[in-house]
Amino acid sequence: MRIALFIEFQEKKVAVIGGGYVGTTRAKKFSEMGAKVTVFSLNFSEELLKLGAEGKVILVKKEASELDEELKGFDLVVVAIGDKNLNSKFRELSKKYRFLLNLANDAEETEVVVPFEGGKDGIRFAVTTEGKSGVVARKVRELFQKVLENDKTLFVYLNAMEHLKKFMKQNEIPVNARMKIYSIVGSSSELIKIAESGDLEEAKKFVERIAEEKAKELGGVEDGF
Protein backbone atom coordinates (compact mmCIF):
# COMPACT_ATOMS: atom_id res chain seq x y z
CA MET A 1 0.00 0.00 0.00
CA ARG A 2 1.30 3.44 -0.93
CA ILE A 3 1.14 6.43 1.41
CA ALA A 4 0.88 10.06 0.30
CA LEU A 5 3.80 12.21 1.49
CA PHE A 6 5.35 15.57 0.70
CA ILE A 7 9.13 15.09 0.84
CA GLU A 8 11.84 17.76 0.82
CA PHE A 9 14.01 17.09 -2.26
CA GLN A 10 16.49 19.95 -1.94
CA GLU A 11 19.97 18.45 -2.50
CA LYS A 12 18.57 14.93 -2.90
CA LYS A 13 20.18 12.87 -5.65
CA VAL A 14 17.81 11.79 -8.44
CA ALA A 15 18.66 9.57 -11.42
CA VAL A 16 16.42 9.64 -14.47
CA ILE A 17 16.81 6.78 -16.94
CA GLY A 18 15.57 7.88 -20.34
CA GLY A 19 16.02 11.11 -22.25
CA GLY A 20 12.64 11.35 -23.98
CA TYR A 21 9.47 13.27 -23.13
CA VAL A 22 8.73 11.58 -19.79
CA GLY A 23 12.36 11.59 -18.73
CA THR A 24 12.60 15.27 -19.60
CA THR A 25 9.45 16.11 -17.63
CA ARG A 26 10.64 14.23 -14.52
CA ALA A 27 14.18 15.60 -14.72
CA LYS A 28 12.89 19.15 -15.02
CA LYS A 29 10.43 18.69 -12.14
CA PHE A 30 13.00 17.39 -9.67
CA SER A 31 15.63 19.89 -10.79
CA GLU A 32 13.20 22.74 -10.12
CA MET A 33 12.68 21.33 -6.63
CA GLY A 34 16.40 21.64 -5.92
CA ALA A 35 17.41 18.03 -6.47
CA LYS A 36 20.72 17.04 -8.04
CA VAL A 37 19.52 15.31 -11.22
CA THR A 38 21.49 12.97 -13.45
CA VAL A 39 19.93 11.68 -16.68
CA PHE A 40 21.19 8.43 -18.19
CA SER A 41 20.39 7.86 -21.86
CA LEU A 42 21.94 7.40 -25.29
CA ASN A 43 19.81 10.24 -26.66
CA PHE A 44 18.55 13.43 -25.01
CA SER A 45 15.71 15.78 -25.87
CA GLU A 46 16.54 19.34 -26.92
CA GLU A 47 15.24 20.59 -23.59
CA LEU A 48 17.50 18.22 -21.67
CA LEU A 49 20.48 19.31 -23.73
CA LYS A 50 19.65 22.91 -22.85
CA LEU A 51 19.29 22.06 -19.15
CA GLY A 52 22.56 20.20 -19.28
CA ALA A 53 24.34 23.14 -20.92
CA GLU A 54 22.96 25.41 -18.19
CA GLY A 55 24.27 23.08 -15.50
CA LYS A 56 20.82 22.29 -14.17
CA VAL A 57 21.11 18.55 -14.83
CA ILE A 58 23.96 16.15 -15.54
CA LEU A 59 23.70 14.16 -18.76
CA VAL A 60 25.42 10.77 -18.99
CA LYS A 61 25.44 8.71 -22.18
CA LYS A 62 24.81 5.17 -21.01
CA GLU A 63 22.62 2.30 -22.18
CA ALA A 64 19.89 1.52 -19.62
CA SER A 65 20.68 -2.20 -19.70
CA GLU A 66 24.30 -1.49 -18.67
CA LEU A 67 23.49 0.54 -15.57
CA ASP A 68 24.39 -0.90 -12.18
CA GLU A 69 26.90 0.71 -9.83
CA GLU A 70 26.22 4.07 -11.47
CA LEU A 71 22.95 4.11 -9.50
CA LYS A 72 24.62 3.66 -6.13
CA GLY A 73 24.11 6.66 -3.85
CA PHE A 74 20.95 8.00 -5.48
CA ASP A 75 17.90 8.72 -3.31
CA LEU A 76 15.40 8.20 -6.13
CA VAL A 77 15.67 6.53 -9.51
CA VAL A 78 13.11 7.27 -12.23
CA VAL A 79 12.76 4.71 -15.02
CA ALA A 80 11.36 6.58 -18.03
CA ILE A 81 11.96 4.17 -20.90
CA GLY A 82 9.36 2.32 -22.92
CA ASP A 83 10.89 -1.14 -22.45
CA LYS A 84 9.41 -2.75 -19.33
CA ASN A 85 11.69 -5.77 -19.65
CA LEU A 86 14.35 -3.97 -17.60
CA ASN A 87 12.00 -3.09 -14.74
CA SER A 88 12.77 -6.25 -12.78
CA LYS A 89 16.46 -5.38 -13.00
CA PHE A 90 15.86 -1.92 -11.55
CA ARG A 91 13.67 -3.35 -8.80
CA GLU A 92 16.59 -5.58 -7.77
CA LEU A 93 19.00 -2.67 -7.93
CA SER A 94 16.69 -0.58 -5.74
CA LYS A 95 16.97 -3.26 -3.04
CA LYS A 96 20.71 -3.60 -3.56
CA TYR A 97 21.48 0.13 -3.39
CA ARG A 98 18.50 1.14 -1.24
CA PHE A 99 16.99 3.85 -3.43
CA LEU A 100 13.32 4.65 -4.01
CA LEU A 101 12.07 3.60 -7.44
CA ASN A 102 9.65 5.40 -9.74
CA LEU A 103 8.68 3.20 -12.68
CA ALA A 104 7.22 5.86 -14.94
CA ASN A 105 6.42 3.09 -17.44
CA ASP A 106 4.43 0.89 -15.03
CA ALA A 107 1.91 2.54 -12.69
CA GLU A 108 0.91 -0.74 -11.06
CA GLU A 109 4.41 -1.96 -10.17
CA THR A 110 6.04 1.37 -9.29
CA GLU A 111 7.15 1.96 -5.72
CA VAL A 112 6.85 5.76 -5.96
CA VAL A 113 4.07 7.65 -7.73
CA VAL A 114 4.76 11.16 -9.04
CA PRO A 115 1.38 12.91 -8.83
CA PHE A 116 -0.12 15.97 -10.48
CA GLU A 117 0.23 18.91 -8.10
CA GLY A 118 -1.49 22.18 -7.42
CA GLY A 119 -2.11 24.70 -4.67
CA LYS A 120 -2.25 28.30 -3.57
CA ASP A 121 -1.10 30.47 -0.65
CA GLY A 122 -0.09 27.72 1.76
CA ILE A 123 -2.46 24.98 0.62
CA ARG A 124 -0.97 22.24 -1.55
CA PHE A 125 -2.52 19.09 -2.96
CA ALA A 126 -1.48 16.14 -5.10
CA VAL A 127 -3.68 13.97 -7.31
CA THR A 128 -3.16 10.55 -8.83
CA THR A 129 -5.37 7.83 -10.28
CA GLU A 130 -2.38 5.46 -9.92
CA GLY A 131 -2.16 4.89 -13.63
CA LYS A 132 -5.85 4.60 -14.50
CA SER A 133 -6.01 7.89 -16.40
CA GLY A 134 -3.72 10.89 -16.50
CA VAL A 135 -6.49 12.81 -18.25
CA VAL A 136 -8.84 12.31 -15.31
CA ALA A 137 -6.09 13.14 -12.79
CA ARG A 138 -5.50 16.44 -14.59
CA LYS A 139 -9.24 17.14 -14.58
CA VAL A 140 -9.42 16.57 -10.82
CA ARG A 141 -6.41 18.84 -10.35
CA GLU A 142 -8.19 21.56 -12.34
CA LEU A 143 -11.33 21.18 -10.21
CA PHE A 144 -9.36 21.39 -6.94
CA GLN A 145 -7.39 24.37 -8.21
CA LYS A 146 -10.59 26.14 -9.22
CA VAL A 147 -11.92 25.76 -5.68
CA LEU A 148 -8.76 27.32 -4.23
CA GLU A 149 -8.82 30.16 -6.73
CA ASN A 150 -12.45 31.06 -6.01
CA ASP A 151 -12.96 30.33 -2.30
CA LYS A 152 -11.45 33.21 -0.31
CA THR A 153 -12.99 31.87 2.91
CA LEU A 154 -10.50 29.00 3.04
CA PHE A 155 -7.51 31.29 3.27
CA VAL A 156 -8.93 33.46 6.05
CA TYR A 157 -9.75 30.22 7.87
CA LEU A 158 -6.24 28.86 7.23
CA ASN A 159 -4.46 32.02 8.39
CA ALA A 160 -6.66 32.25 11.47
CA MET A 161 -5.85 28.67 12.46
CA GLU A 162 -2.15 29.28 11.82
CA HIS A 163 -2.36 32.35 14.05
CA LEU A 164 -4.08 30.25 16.71
CA LYS A 165 -1.24 27.72 16.67
CA LYS A 166 1.43 30.42 17.09
CA PHE A 167 -0.60 32.23 19.74
CA MET A 168 -1.02 29.14 21.91
CA LYS A 169 2.63 28.13 21.62
CA GLN A 170 3.81 31.64 22.48
CA ASN A 171 1.58 31.59 25.55
CA GLU A 172 2.79 28.12 26.52
CA ILE A 173 -0.61 26.46 26.56
CA PRO A 174 -0.01 22.73 27.23
CA VAL A 175 -0.23 20.45 24.24
CA ASN A 176 -3.19 18.44 25.56
CA ALA A 177 -5.19 21.67 25.94
CA ARG A 178 -4.06 22.89 22.52
CA MET A 179 -5.38 19.77 20.81
CA LYS A 180 -8.83 20.30 22.35
CA ILE A 181 -8.83 24.01 21.50
CA TYR A 182 -7.92 23.29 17.86
CA SER A 183 -10.99 21.09 17.60
CA ILE A 184 -13.27 23.61 19.32
CA VAL A 185 -12.12 26.59 17.26
CA GLY A 186 -11.87 24.67 13.99
CA SER A 187 -15.49 23.57 14.20
CA SER A 188 -16.79 26.99 15.27
CA SER A 189 -19.62 28.25 13.05
CA GLU A 190 -18.81 31.78 14.23
CA LEU A 191 -15.25 31.51 12.89
CA ILE A 192 -16.61 30.29 9.55
CA LYS A 193 -18.94 33.30 9.38
CA ILE A 194 -16.03 35.66 10.08
CA ALA A 195 -13.94 33.89 7.44
CA GLU A 196 -16.77 34.29 4.93
CA SER A 197 -16.73 38.03 5.60
CA GLY A 198 -13.04 38.09 4.69
CA ASP A 199 -12.02 39.89 7.91
CA LEU A 200 -8.74 38.20 8.90
CA GLU A 201 -7.98 40.56 11.79
CA GLU A 202 -11.38 39.85 13.33
CA ALA A 203 -10.76 36.12 12.85
CA LYS A 204 -7.43 36.41 14.68
CA LYS A 205 -9.05 38.25 17.59
CA PHE A 206 -11.76 35.60 17.75
CA VAL A 207 -9.36 32.65 17.93
CA GLU A 208 -7.26 34.41 20.58
CA ARG A 209 -10.36 35.02 22.73
CA ILE A 210 -11.53 31.42 22.46
CA ALA A 211 -8.01 30.14 23.19
CA GLU A 212 -7.82 32.25 26.36
CA GLU A 213 -11.26 31.18 27.56
CA LYS A 214 -10.84 27.49 26.84
CA ALA A 215 -7.29 27.33 28.19
CA LYS A 216 -8.53 28.62 31.54
CA GLU A 217 -11.43 26.16 31.55
CA LEU A 218 -9.06 23.30 30.74
CA GLY A 219 -6.53 24.39 33.34
CA GLY A 220 -3.93 25.41 30.76
CA VAL A 221 -3.22 28.89 32.17
CA GLU A 222 -3.83 31.02 35.22
CA ASP A 223 -6.10 34.06 35.35
CA GLY A 224 -4.41 37.14 33.94
CA PHE A 225 -3.37 35.39 30.68
C-alpha atoms as a PDB file:
ATOM      1  CA  MET A   1       0.000   0.000   0.000  1.00  0.00           C
ATOM      2  CA  ARG A   2       1.297   3.442  -0.927  1.00  0.00           C
ATOM      3  CA  ILE A   3       1.144   6.429   1.412  1.00  0.00           C
ATOM      4  CA  ALA A   4       0.880  10.061   0.297  1.00  0.00           C
ATOM      5  CA  LEU A   5       3.797  12.209   1.489  1.00  0.00           C
ATOM      6  CA  PHE A   6       5.354  15.573   0.696  1.00  0.00           C
ATOM      7  CA  ILE A   7       9.135  15.092   0.838  1.00  0.00           C
ATOM      8  CA  GLU A   8      11.842  17.763   0.815  1.00  0.00           C
ATOM      9  CA  PHE A   9      14.012  17.086  -2.263  1.00  0.00           C
ATOM     10  CA  GLN A  10      16.486  19.952  -1.937  1.00  0.00           C
ATOM     11  CA  GLU A  11      19.970  18.451  -2.497  1.00  0.00           C
ATOM     12  CA  LYS A  12      18.566  14.928  -2.905  1.00  0.00           C
ATOM     13  CA  LYS A  13      20.176  12.869  -5.655  1.00  0.00           C
ATOM     14  CA  VAL A  14      17.814  11.789  -8.438  1.00  0.00           C
ATOM     15  CA  ALA A  15      18.662   9.574 -11.416  1.00  0.00           C
ATOM     16  CA  VAL A  16      16.422   9.638 -14.474  1.00  0.00           C
ATOM     17  CA  ILE A  17      16.807   6.776 -16.943  1.00  0.00           C
ATOM     18  CA  GLY A  18      15.574   7.877 -20.343  1.00  0.00           C
ATOM     19  CA  GLY A  19      16.017  11.107 -22.251  1.00  0.00           C
ATOM     20  CA  GLY A  20      12.641  11.346 -23.982  1.00  0.00           C
ATOM     21  CA  TYR A  21       9.471  13.265 -23.135  1.00  0.00           C
ATOM     22  CA  VAL A  22       8.727  11.582 -19.792  1.00  0.00           C
ATOM     23  CA  GLY A  23      12.365  11.586 -18.735  1.00  0.00           C
ATOM     24  CA  THR A  24      12.601  15.271 -19.597  1.00  0.00           C
ATOM     25  CA  THR A  25       9.454  16.105 -17.627  1.00  0.00           C
ATOM     26  CA  ARG A  26      10.636  14.232 -14.524  1.00  0.00           C
ATOM     27  CA  ALA A  27      14.178  15.596 -14.718  1.00  0.00           C
ATOM     28  CA  LYS A  28      12.889  19.153 -15.019  1.00  0.00           C
ATOM     29  CA  LYS A  29      10.433  18.694 -12.141  1.00  0.00           C
ATOM     30  CA  PHE A  30      13.005  17.390  -9.675  1.00  0.00           C
ATOM     31  CA  SER A  31      15.632  19.890 -10.789  1.00  0.00           C
ATOM     32  CA  GLU A  32      13.204  22.740 -10.124  1.00  0.00           C
ATOM     33  CA  MET A  33      12.678  21.327  -6.631  1.00  0.00           C
ATOM     34  CA  GLY A  34      16.402  21.643  -5.922  1.00  0.00           C
ATOM     35  CA  ALA A  35      17.413  18.029  -6.466  1.00  0.00           C
ATOM     36  CA  LYS A  36      20.722  17.041  -8.039  1.00  0.00           C
ATOM     37  CA  VAL A  37      19.515  15.315 -11.215  1.00  0.00           C
ATOM     38  CA  THR A  38      21.492  12.973 -13.450  1.00  0.00           C
ATOM     39  CA  VAL A  39      19.934  11.680 -16.675  1.00  0.00           C
ATOM     40  CA  PHE A  40      21.190   8.429 -18.194  1.00  0.00           C
ATOM     41  CA  SER A  41      20.388   7.864 -21.863  1.00  0.00           C
ATOM     42  CA  LEU A  42      21.936   7.405 -25.290  1.00  0.00           C
ATOM     43  CA  ASN A  43      19.811  10.245 -26.657  1.00  0.00           C
ATOM     44  CA  PHE A  44      18.550  13.425 -25.011  1.00  0.00           C
ATOM     45  CA  SER A  45      15.710  15.784 -25.875  1.00  0.00           C
ATOM     46  CA  GLU A  46      16.544  19.339 -26.921  1.00  0.00           C
ATOM     47  CA  GLU A  47      15.237  20.593 -23.592  1.00  0.00           C
ATOM     48  CA  LEU A  48      17.497  18.223 -21.667  1.00  0.00           C
ATOM     49  CA  LEU A  49      20.483  19.307 -23.733  1.00  0.00           C
ATOM     50  CA  LYS A  50      19.650  22.909 -22.847  1.00  0.00           C
ATOM     51  CA  LEU A  51      19.287  22.064 -19.146  1.00  0.00           C
ATOM     52  CA  GLY A  52      22.563  20.200 -19.281  1.00  0.00           C
ATOM     53  CA  ALA A  53      24.339  23.145 -20.924  1.00  0.00           C
ATOM     54  CA  GLU A  54      22.959  25.411 -18.191  1.00  0.00           C
ATOM     55  CA  GLY A  55      24.273  23.084 -15.497  1.00  0.00           C
ATOM     56  CA  LYS A  56      20.817  22.293 -14.166  1.00  0.00           C
ATOM     57  CA  VAL A  57      21.105  18.546 -14.828  1.00  0.00           C
ATOM     58  CA  ILE A  58      23.957  16.153 -15.537  1.00  0.00           C
ATOM     59  CA  LEU A  59      23.703  14.160 -18.759  1.00  0.00           C
ATOM     60  CA  VAL A  60      25.421  10.767 -18.989  1.00  0.00           C
ATOM     61  CA  LYS A  61      25.438   8.714 -22.182  1.00  0.00           C
ATOM     62  CA  LYS A  62      24.807   5.169 -21.015  1.00  0.00           C
ATOM     63  CA  GLU A  63      22.619   2.302 -22.180  1.00  0.00           C
ATOM     64  CA  ALA A  64      19.892   1.520 -19.621  1.00  0.00           C
ATOM     65  CA  SER A  65      20.684  -2.199 -19.703  1.00  0.00           C
ATOM     66  CA  GLU A  66      24.302  -1.488 -18.674  1.00  0.00           C
ATOM     67  CA  LEU A  67      23.489   0.539 -15.575  1.00  0.00           C
ATOM     68  CA  ASP A  68      24.395  -0.904 -12.180  1.00  0.00           C
ATOM     69  CA  GLU A  69      26.902   0.713  -9.830  1.00  0.00           C
ATOM     70  CA  GLU A  70      26.215   4.073 -11.474  1.00  0.00           C
ATOM     71  CA  LEU A  71      22.949   4.114  -9.496  1.00  0.00           C
ATOM     72  CA  LYS A  72      24.617   3.665  -6.132  1.00  0.00           C
ATOM     73  CA  GLY A  73      24.108   6.664  -3.852  1.00  0.00           C
ATOM     74  CA  PHE A  74      20.949   8.000  -5.479  1.00  0.00           C
ATOM     75  CA  ASP A  75      17.900   8.716  -3.306  1.00  0.00           C
ATOM     76  CA  LEU A  76      15.395   8.203  -6.132  1.00  0.00           C
ATOM     77  CA  VAL A  77      15.673   6.528  -9.515  1.00  0.00           C
ATOM     78  CA  VAL A  78      13.110   7.268 -12.230  1.00  0.00           C
ATOM     79  CA  VAL A  79      12.760   4.714 -15.023  1.00  0.00           C
ATOM     80  CA  ALA A  80      11.363   6.584 -18.034  1.00  0.00           C
ATOM     81  CA  ILE A  81      11.960   4.172 -20.901  1.00  0.00           C
ATOM     82  CA  GLY A  82       9.360   2.315 -22.923  1.00  0.00           C
ATOM     83  CA  ASP A  83      10.893  -1.141 -22.451  1.00  0.00           C
ATOM     84  CA  LYS A  84       9.410  -2.750 -19.329  1.00  0.00           C
ATOM     85  CA  ASN A  85      11.692  -5.772 -19.646  1.00  0.00           C
ATOM     86  CA  LEU A  86      14.346  -3.972 -17.605  1.00  0.00           C
ATOM     87  CA  ASN A  87      11.998  -3.088 -14.745  1.00  0.00           C
ATOM     88  CA  SER A  88      12.766  -6.249 -12.781  1.00  0.00           C
ATOM     89  CA  LYS A  89      16.463  -5.375 -12.996  1.00  0.00           C
ATOM     90  CA  PHE A  90      15.857  -1.920 -11.549  1.00  0.00           C
ATOM     91  CA  ARG A  91      13.669  -3.347  -8.798  1.00  0.00           C
ATOM     92  CA  GLU A  92      16.589  -5.577  -7.774  1.00  0.00           C
ATOM     93  CA  LEU A  93      19.004  -2.666  -7.931  1.00  0.00           C
ATOM     94  CA  SER A  94      16.687  -0.583  -5.744  1.00  0.00           C
ATOM     95  CA  LYS A  95      16.968  -3.261  -3.044  1.00  0.00           C
ATOM     96  CA  LYS A  96      20.712  -3.598  -3.555  1.00  0.00           C
ATOM     97  CA  TYR A  97      21.481   0.129  -3.393  1.00  0.00           C
ATOM     98  CA  ARG A  98      18.505   1.141  -1.241  1.00  0.00           C
ATOM     99  CA  PHE A  99      16.990   3.848  -3.430  1.00  0.00           C
ATOM    100  CA  LEU A 100      13.322   4.651  -4.013  1.00  0.00           C
ATOM    101  CA  LEU A 101      12.070   3.602  -7.445  1.00  0.00           C
ATOM    102  CA  ASN A 102       9.653   5.401  -9.739  1.00  0.00           C
ATOM    103  CA  LEU A 103       8.684   3.198 -12.682  1.00  0.00           C
ATOM    104  CA  ALA A 104       7.223   5.855 -14.942  1.00  0.00           C
ATOM    105  CA  ASN A 105       6.417   3.090 -17.443  1.00  0.00           C
ATOM    106  CA  ASP A 106       4.431   0.886 -15.034  1.00  0.00           C
ATOM    107  CA  ALA A 107       1.912   2.536 -12.693  1.00  0.00           C
ATOM    108  CA  GLU A 108       0.912  -0.739 -11.056  1.00  0.00           C
ATOM    109  CA  GLU A 109       4.413  -1.959 -10.169  1.00  0.00           C
ATOM    110  CA  THR A 110       6.043   1.367  -9.288  1.00  0.00           C
ATOM    111  CA  GLU A 111       7.153   1.960  -5.723  1.00  0.00           C
ATOM    112  CA  VAL A 112       6.850   5.759  -5.963  1.00  0.00           C
ATOM    113  CA  VAL A 113       4.069   7.647  -7.733  1.00  0.00           C
ATOM    114  CA  VAL A 114       4.762  11.156  -9.043  1.00  0.00           C
ATOM    115  CA  PRO A 115       1.376  12.911  -8.827  1.00  0.00           C
ATOM    116  CA  PHE A 116      -0.125  15.970 -10.479  1.00  0.00           C
ATOM    117  CA  GLU A 117       0.227  18.907  -8.100  1.00  0.00           C
ATOM    118  CA  GLY A 118      -1.495  22.178  -7.416  1.00  0.00           C
ATOM    119  CA  GLY A 119      -2.114  24.700  -4.669  1.00  0.00           C
ATOM    120  CA  LYS A 120      -2.246  28.304  -3.574  1.00  0.00           C
ATOM    121  CA  ASP A 121      -1.101  30.467  -0.647  1.00  0.00           C
ATOM    122  CA  GLY A 122      -0.092  27.720   1.758  1.00  0.00           C
ATOM    123  CA  ILE A 123      -2.465  24.975   0.622  1.00  0.00           C
ATOM    124  CA  ARG A 124      -0.969  22.245  -1.555  1.00  0.00           C
ATOM    125  CA  PHE A 125      -2.522  19.095  -2.960  1.00  0.00           C
ATOM    126  CA  ALA A 126      -1.484  16.139  -5.095  1.00  0.00           C
ATOM    127  CA  VAL A 127      -3.679  13.970  -7.308  1.00  0.00           C
ATOM    128  CA  THR A 128      -3.158  10.551  -8.830  1.00  0.00           C
ATOM    129  CA  THR A 129      -5.367   7.827 -10.276  1.00  0.00           C
ATOM    130  CA  GLU A 130      -2.380   5.455  -9.921  1.00  0.00           C
ATOM    131  CA  GLY A 131      -2.160   4.887 -13.630  1.00  0.00           C
ATOM    132  CA  LYS A 132      -5.849   4.596 -14.501  1.00  0.00           C
ATOM    133  CA  SER A 133      -6.015   7.888 -16.396  1.00  0.00           C
ATOM    134  CA  GLY A 134      -3.718  10.889 -16.502  1.00  0.00           C
ATOM    135  CA  VAL A 135      -6.492  12.810 -18.255  1.00  0.00           C
ATOM    136  CA  VAL A 136      -8.838  12.310 -15.313  1.00  0.00           C
ATOM    137  CA  ALA A 137      -6.085  13.137 -12.791  1.00  0.00           C
ATOM    138  CA  ARG A 138      -5.497  16.440 -14.589  1.00  0.00           C
ATOM    139  CA  LYS A 139      -9.241  17.139 -14.578  1.00  0.00           C
ATOM    140  CA  VAL A 140      -9.420  16.566 -10.824  1.00  0.00           C
ATOM    141  CA  ARG A 141      -6.411  18.840 -10.347  1.00  0.00           C
ATOM    142  CA  GLU A 142      -8.190  21.559 -12.343  1.00  0.00           C
ATOM    143  CA  LEU A 143     -11.325  21.182 -10.207  1.00  0.00           C
ATOM    144  CA  PHE A 144      -9.362  21.393  -6.944  1.00  0.00           C
ATOM    145  CA  GLN A 145      -7.389  24.365  -8.212  1.00  0.00           C
ATOM    146  CA  LYS A 146     -10.586  26.138  -9.219  1.00  0.00           C
ATOM    147  CA  VAL A 147     -11.917  25.764  -5.682  1.00  0.00           C
ATOM    148  CA  LEU A 148      -8.757  27.316  -4.231  1.00  0.00           C
ATOM    149  CA  GLU A 149      -8.817  30.165  -6.726  1.00  0.00           C
ATOM    150  CA  ASN A 150     -12.446  31.058  -6.011  1.00  0.00           C
ATOM    151  CA  ASP A 151     -12.959  30.330  -2.300  1.00  0.00           C
ATOM    152  CA  LYS A 152     -11.453  33.212  -0.308  1.00  0.00           C
ATOM    153  CA  THR A 153     -12.985  31.867   2.915  1.00  0.00           C
ATOM    154  CA  LEU A 154     -10.499  28.996   3.036  1.00  0.00           C
ATOM    155  CA  PHE A 155      -7.505  31.292   3.268  1.00  0.00           C
ATOM    156  CA  VAL A 156      -8.926  33.461   6.050  1.00  0.00           C
ATOM    157  CA  TYR A 157      -9.747  30.219   7.867  1.00  0.00           C
ATOM    158  CA  LEU A 158      -6.240  28.860   7.228  1.00  0.00           C
ATOM    159  CA  ASN A 159      -4.463  32.021   8.388  1.00  0.00           C
ATOM    160  CA  ALA A 160      -6.660  32.255  11.472  1.00  0.00           C
ATOM    161  CA  MET A 161      -5.849  28.667  12.456  1.00  0.00           C
ATOM    162  CA  GLU A 162      -2.152  29.281  11.822  1.00  0.00           C
ATOM    163  CA  HIS A 163      -2.365  32.354  14.051  1.00  0.00           C
ATOM    164  CA  LEU A 164      -4.083  30.250  16.715  1.00  0.00           C
ATOM    165  CA  LYS A 165      -1.236  27.723  16.667  1.00  0.00           C
ATOM    166  CA  LYS A 166       1.428  30.422  17.087  1.00  0.00           C
ATOM    167  CA  PHE A 167      -0.604  32.234  19.745  1.00  0.00           C
ATOM    168  CA  MET A 168      -1.017  29.145  21.914  1.00  0.00           C
ATOM    169  CA  LYS A 169       2.628  28.129  21.619  1.00  0.00           C
ATOM    170  CA  GLN A 170       3.806  31.643  22.485  1.00  0.00           C
ATOM    171  CA  ASN A 171       1.575  31.589  25.554  1.00  0.00           C
ATOM    172  CA  GLU A 172       2.786  28.117  26.517  1.00  0.00           C
ATOM    173  CA  ILE A 173      -0.607  26.461  26.564  1.00  0.00           C
ATOM    174  CA  PRO A 174      -0.006  22.734  27.233  1.00  0.00           C
ATOM    175  CA  VAL A 175      -0.232  20.451  24.237  1.00  0.00           C
ATOM    176  CA  ASN A 176      -3.194  18.443  25.563  1.00  0.00           C
ATOM    177  CA  ALA A 177      -5.188  21.668  25.940  1.00  0.00           C
ATOM    178  CA  ARG A 178      -4.058  22.895  22.518  1.00  0.00           C
ATOM    179  CA  MET A 179      -5.376  19.773  20.812  1.00  0.00           C
ATOM    180  CA  LYS A 180      -8.832  20.301  22.350  1.00  0.00           C
ATOM    181  CA  ILE A 181      -8.832  24.009  21.500  1.00  0.00           C
ATOM    182  CA  TYR A 182      -7.923  23.294  17.860  1.00  0.00           C
ATOM    183  CA  SER A 183     -10.992  21.089  17.605  1.00  0.00           C
ATOM    184  CA  ILE A 184     -13.273  23.611  19.322  1.00  0.00           C
ATOM    185  CA  VAL A 185     -12.118  26.590  17.259  1.00  0.00           C
ATOM    186  CA  GLY A 186     -11.871  24.666  13.994  1.00  0.00           C
ATOM    187  CA  SER A 187     -15.495  23.572  14.200  1.00  0.00           C
ATOM    188  CA  SER A 188     -16.794  26.986  15.270  1.00  0.00           C
ATOM    189  CA  SER A 189     -19.616  28.249  13.052  1.00  0.00           C
ATOM    190  CA  GLU A 190     -18.809  31.775  14.235  1.00  0.00           C
ATOM    191  CA  LEU A 191     -15.250  31.506  12.886  1.00  0.00           C
ATOM    192  CA  ILE A 192     -16.613  30.291   9.552  1.00  0.00           C
ATOM    193  CA  LYS A 193     -18.936  33.296   9.383  1.00  0.00           C
ATOM    194  CA  ILE A 194     -16.035  35.656  10.085  1.00  0.00           C
ATOM    195  CA  ALA A 195     -13.945  33.892   7.439  1.00  0.00           C
ATOM    196  CA  GLU A 196     -16.769  34.288   4.932  1.00  0.00           C
ATOM    197  CA  SER A 197     -16.733  38.027   5.599  1.00  0.00           C
ATOM    198  CA  GLY A 198     -13.041  38.088   4.689  1.00  0.00           C
ATOM    199  CA  ASP A 199     -12.020  39.885   7.912  1.00  0.00           C
ATOM    200  CA  LEU A 200      -8.736  38.203   8.898  1.00  0.00           C
ATOM    201  CA  GLU A 201      -7.985  40.564  11.794  1.00  0.00           C
ATOM    202  CA  GLU A 202     -11.381  39.848  13.333  1.00  0.00           C
ATOM    203  CA  ALA A 203     -10.762  36.118  12.847  1.00  0.00           C
ATOM    204  CA  LYS A 204      -7.429  36.409  14.682  1.00  0.00           C
ATOM    205  CA  LYS A 205      -9.048  38.254  17.594  1.00  0.00           C
ATOM    206  CA  PHE A 206     -11.757  35.605  17.752  1.00  0.00           C
ATOM    207  CA  VAL A 207      -9.361  32.652  17.935  1.00  0.00           C
ATOM    208  CA  GLU A 208      -7.264  34.413  20.578  1.00  0.00           C
ATOM    209  CA  ARG A 209     -10.356  35.018  22.731  1.00  0.00           C
ATOM    210  CA  ILE A 210     -11.529  31.425  22.464  1.00  0.00           C
ATOM    211  CA  ALA A 211      -8.012  30.140  23.191  1.00  0.00           C
ATOM    212  CA  GLU A 212      -7.818  32.254  26.355  1.00  0.00           C
ATOM    213  CA  GLU A 213     -11.262  31.178  27.557  1.00  0.00           C
ATOM    214  CA  LYS A 214     -10.842  27.485  26.845  1.00  0.00           C
ATOM    215  CA  ALA A 215      -7.294  27.331  28.193  1.00  0.00           C
ATOM    216  CA  LYS A 216      -8.533  28.616  31.544  1.00  0.00           C
ATOM    217  CA  GLU A 217     -11.426  26.157  31.550  1.00  0.00           C
ATOM    218  CA  LEU A 218      -9.058  23.304  30.739  1.00  0.00           C
ATOM    219  CA  GLY A 219      -6.526  24.387  33.339  1.00  0.00           C
ATOM    220  CA  GLY A 220      -3.933  25.413  30.756  1.00  0.00           C
ATOM    221  CA  VAL A 221      -3.215  28.892  32.169  1.00  0.00           C
ATOM    222  CA  GLU A 222      -3.827  31.023  35.218  1.00  0.00           C
ATOM    223  CA  ASP A 223      -6.101  34.062  35.349  1.00  0.00           C
ATOM    224  CA  GLY A 224      -4.410  37.138  33.942  1.00  0.00           C
ATOM    225  CA  PHE A 225      -3.370  35.390  30.685  1.00  0.00           C
END
